[in-house]
Amino acid sequence: MDCARTSTGSRPKPLRPDPGFGRRVGAIAAALLCFCPLALEAANVEPNVQLLPPEQAFRFSARALDDRTLEARFVIADGYYLYRDKFKFVVTPEGAALGVPDLPAGKMKTDEFFGKVETYRGTLVVKLPLSGAAAGQSVVLAADSQGCADVGVCYPPSRQKLTLALPAPGSGPGALVDATPPKKSWFK
């Protein structure tokens, strides 16, 4: 089907290259190259530092000690820390509920982002009272946390989840479950 062409009344003008475009782009690139290292230095971040993804910097795992207690564990990489007041734990399915987490005392720090705060380094173990669940049932534990790297970079709050099977009475604690298990390699 042919369509009638519409005229705008004037002929389109040919595109001409902008003679100053290359100079402007070059000036912007030079400015970025000059100021990026200064910005990184001002933020106390070394340009060659490779930050870990949050799930590696703050490895989360947990286990069910019995049908009334969960144990959450964070292994915090060297050079990183977690904020005590940024933790939140949630459990599902409906009907199951967590009590107040038993967080150990942390170390006080004056933080450039949040002021005077309590932080954790190394390994953190948190006991979580559980109600409304039965032995043999599975529950999903979600942990919200936030932390930073010593080089001056803070991560946004993150959530990690895992599924735990509640052990039968008298059978002892369940196995430790990693929120991000190591990836299997095709090569050995």
Protein backbone atom coordinates (compact mmCIF):
# COMPACT_ATOMS: atom_id res chain seq x y z
CA MET A 1 0.00 0.00 0.00
CA ASP A 2 1.48 3.36 -1.02
CA CYS A 3 1.31 6.30 1.36
CA ALA A 4 1.32 9.88 0.20
CA ARG A 5 4.40 11.80 1.23
CA THR A 6 3.90 14.85 3.39
CA SER A 7 5.91 17.99 2.72
CA THR A 8 7.09 20.25 5.53
CA GLY A 9 7.48 23.08 3.08
CA SER A 10 11.25 23.25 3.16
CA ARG A 11 14.02 20.99 2.12
CA PRO A 12 15.96 19.18 4.94
CA LYS A 13 19.36 20.69 5.58
CA PRO A 14 22.37 18.40 5.28
CA LEU A 15 24.04 17.44 8.56
CA ARG A 16 27.32 19.21 9.05
CA PRO A 17 29.82 18.05 11.64
CA ASP A 18 30.23 20.37 14.62
CA PRO A 19 33.85 21.57 14.46
CA GLY A 20 34.04 22.15 18.24
CA PHE A 21 32.55 18.79 19.25
CA GLY A 22 35.87 16.93 19.38
CA ARG A 23 37.50 19.66 21.48
CA ARG A 24 34.61 19.68 23.96
CA VAL A 25 34.66 15.89 24.35
CA GLY A 26 38.44 15.96 24.76
CA ALA A 27 38.19 18.69 27.41
CA ILE A 28 35.54 16.75 29.34
CA ALA A 29 37.60 13.53 29.19
CA ALA A 30 40.71 15.38 30.39
CA ALA A 31 38.75 16.95 33.27
CA LEU A 32 37.40 13.55 34.32
CA LEU A 33 40.87 12.03 34.22
CA CYS A 34 42.21 14.87 36.36
CA PHE A 35 39.39 15.03 38.91
CA CYS A 36 38.47 11.33 39.37
CA PRO A 37 41.70 10.51 41.24
CA LEU A 38 41.15 13.64 43.37
CA ALA A 39 37.58 12.57 44.16
CA LEU A 40 38.78 9.09 45.10
CA GLU A 41 41.52 10.56 47.27
CA ALA A 42 39.04 12.94 48.94
CA ALA A 43 36.81 9.95 49.69
CA ASN A 44 39.86 8.04 50.99
CA VAL A 45 39.34 5.34 48.36
CA GLU A 46 42.34 3.91 46.60
CA PRO A 47 41.66 3.64 42.85
CA ASN A 48 43.01 0.07 42.58
CA VAL A 49 41.00 -1.37 45.48
CA GLN A 50 38.69 -4.21 44.46
CA LEU A 51 35.69 -4.28 46.80
CA LEU A 52 34.03 -7.59 47.56
CA PRO A 53 30.36 -8.09 46.70
CA PRO A 54 28.28 -7.72 49.91
CA GLU A 55 27.46 -11.45 50.07
CA GLN A 56 31.22 -12.20 50.18
CA ALA A 57 32.19 -9.31 52.47
CA PHE A 58 29.42 -10.31 54.92
CA ARG A 59 28.91 -14.08 54.54
CA PHE A 60 25.63 -15.14 56.12
CA SER A 61 24.82 -18.64 57.29
CA ALA A 62 22.49 -20.12 59.89
CA ARG A 63 21.32 -23.32 61.52
CA ALA A 64 18.44 -24.46 63.67
CA LEU A 65 19.68 -25.41 67.14
CA ASP A 66 16.24 -26.87 67.91
CA ASP A 67 12.62 -26.08 67.04
CA ARG A 68 12.72 -22.99 69.30
CA THR A 69 16.13 -21.45 68.50
CA LEU A 70 17.91 -20.39 65.33
CA GLU A 71 21.55 -19.38 65.17
CA ALA A 72 22.52 -16.75 62.58
CA ARG A 73 26.19 -16.31 61.73
CA PHE A 74 28.05 -13.61 59.80
CA VAL A 75 31.67 -14.06 58.78
CA ILE A 76 32.91 -10.54 58.06
CA ALA A 77 35.91 -10.27 55.73
CA ASP A 78 39.09 -8.49 56.87
CA GLY A 79 38.83 -4.77 56.22
CA TYR A 80 35.01 -4.72 56.53
CA TYR A 81 32.52 -4.17 59.36
CA LEU A 82 28.76 -4.41 60.02
CA TYR A 83 26.59 -1.94 61.94
CA ARG A 84 24.83 -3.35 65.02
CA ASP A 85 21.73 -1.17 64.67
CA LYS A 86 21.12 -2.13 61.02
CA PHE A 87 20.23 -5.78 61.68
CA LYS A 88 16.72 -7.08 61.13
CA PHE A 89 15.66 -10.72 61.03
CA VAL A 90 12.41 -12.08 59.58
CA VAL A 91 11.11 -15.64 59.40
CA THR A 92 8.39 -17.23 57.28
CA PRO A 93 5.94 -19.08 56.95
CA GLU A 94 3.12 -17.19 58.62
CA GLY A 95 2.58 -18.34 62.14
CA ALA A 96 6.30 -18.61 62.82
CA ALA A 97 7.80 -15.62 64.63
CA LEU A 98 11.15 -14.49 65.95
CA GLY A 99 11.74 -13.01 69.37
CA VAL A 100 14.30 -10.31 70.16
CA PRO A 101 17.71 -11.23 68.67
CA ASP A 102 20.47 -11.84 71.22
CA LEU A 103 23.14 -9.54 69.70
CA PRO A 104 26.47 -9.49 71.53
CA ALA A 105 28.10 -6.17 72.38
CA GLY A 106 30.01 -4.65 69.49
CA LYS A 107 32.89 -2.23 69.33
CA MET A 108 32.15 1.52 69.41
CA LYS A 109 33.30 3.50 66.39
CA THR A 110 32.94 7.10 65.25
CA ASP A 111 31.73 6.66 61.69
CA GLU A 112 31.94 9.40 59.06
CA PHE A 113 28.50 8.41 57.74
CA PHE A 114 26.46 7.55 60.88
CA GLY A 115 28.35 9.19 63.78
CA LYS A 116 28.97 7.13 66.95
CA VAL A 117 27.91 3.54 66.24
CA GLU A 118 28.47 -0.01 67.43
CA THR A 119 30.11 -2.32 64.86
CA TYR A 120 31.17 -5.93 64.39
CA ARG A 121 34.24 -7.44 62.73
CA GLY A 122 35.35 -11.04 62.29
CA THR A 123 32.66 -13.57 63.18
CA LEU A 124 29.28 -12.62 64.64
CA VAL A 125 26.90 -15.23 66.09
CA VAL A 126 23.32 -14.21 66.92
CA LYS A 127 20.77 -16.41 68.74
CA LEU A 128 17.19 -15.97 67.51
CA PRO A 129 14.28 -17.26 69.63
CA LEU A 130 11.65 -18.93 67.41
CA SER A 131 7.97 -19.57 68.14
CA GLY A 132 5.05 -20.93 66.15
CA ALA A 133 7.08 -23.53 64.25
CA ALA A 134 7.29 -27.29 64.72
CA ALA A 135 10.11 -29.83 64.51
CA GLY A 136 10.48 -31.18 60.97
CA GLN A 137 9.10 -27.97 59.45
CA SER A 138 11.19 -25.74 57.18
CA VAL A 139 11.45 -22.01 57.74
CA VAL A 140 12.95 -19.25 55.61
CA LEU A 141 15.20 -16.88 57.54
CA ALA A 142 15.91 -13.45 56.02
CA ALA A 143 18.62 -11.23 57.46
CA ASP A 144 18.90 -7.52 56.68
CA SER A 145 22.25 -5.90 57.40
CA GLN A 146 24.45 -3.01 56.36
CA GLY A 147 28.20 -2.57 56.51
CA CYS A 148 31.21 -0.76 55.12
CA ALA A 149 34.76 -1.33 53.94
CA ASP A 150 37.62 0.34 55.81
CA VAL A 151 38.61 2.14 52.59
CA GLY A 152 35.60 4.44 53.07
CA VAL A 153 32.89 2.75 51.00
CA CYS A 154 29.57 1.79 52.56
CA TYR A 155 27.20 -0.75 51.06
CA PRO A 156 23.44 -0.17 50.83
CA PRO A 157 21.32 -2.31 53.17
CA SER A 158 21.15 -5.87 51.86
CA ARG A 159 18.96 -8.90 52.50
CA GLN A 160 20.19 -12.49 52.47
CA LYS A 161 17.84 -15.49 52.76
CA LEU A 162 18.16 -19.19 53.45
CA THR A 163 15.93 -22.14 54.25
CA LEU A 164 16.38 -24.15 57.45
CA ALA A 165 14.87 -27.49 58.43
CA LEU A 166 13.97 -27.60 62.13
CA PRO A 167 15.48 -30.72 63.73
CA ALA A 168 13.47 -33.38 65.50
CA PRO A 169 13.59 -33.25 69.32
CA GLY A 170 16.75 -34.86 70.69
CA SER A 171 18.50 -35.03 67.30
CA GLY A 172 20.87 -32.14 67.95
CA PRO A 173 21.38 -28.95 65.94
CA GLY A 174 20.77 -28.86 62.21
CA ALA A 175 23.53 -28.38 59.66
CA LEU A 176 24.91 -24.92 58.97
CA VAL A 177 23.34 -23.53 55.77
CA ASP A 178 25.15 -20.91 53.68
CA ALA A 179 23.04 -18.11 52.14
CA THR A 180 25.44 -18.03 49.17
CA PRO A 181 27.04 -21.45 48.83
CA PRO A 182 30.31 -21.55 46.89
CA LYS A 183 29.84 -21.96 43.17
CA LYS A 184 30.89 -25.29 41.74
CA SER A 185 33.76 -25.06 39.33
CA TRP A 186 33.81 -26.86 36.02
CA PHE A 187 37.57 -27.12 36.33
CA LYS A 188 39.55 -28.62 39.18
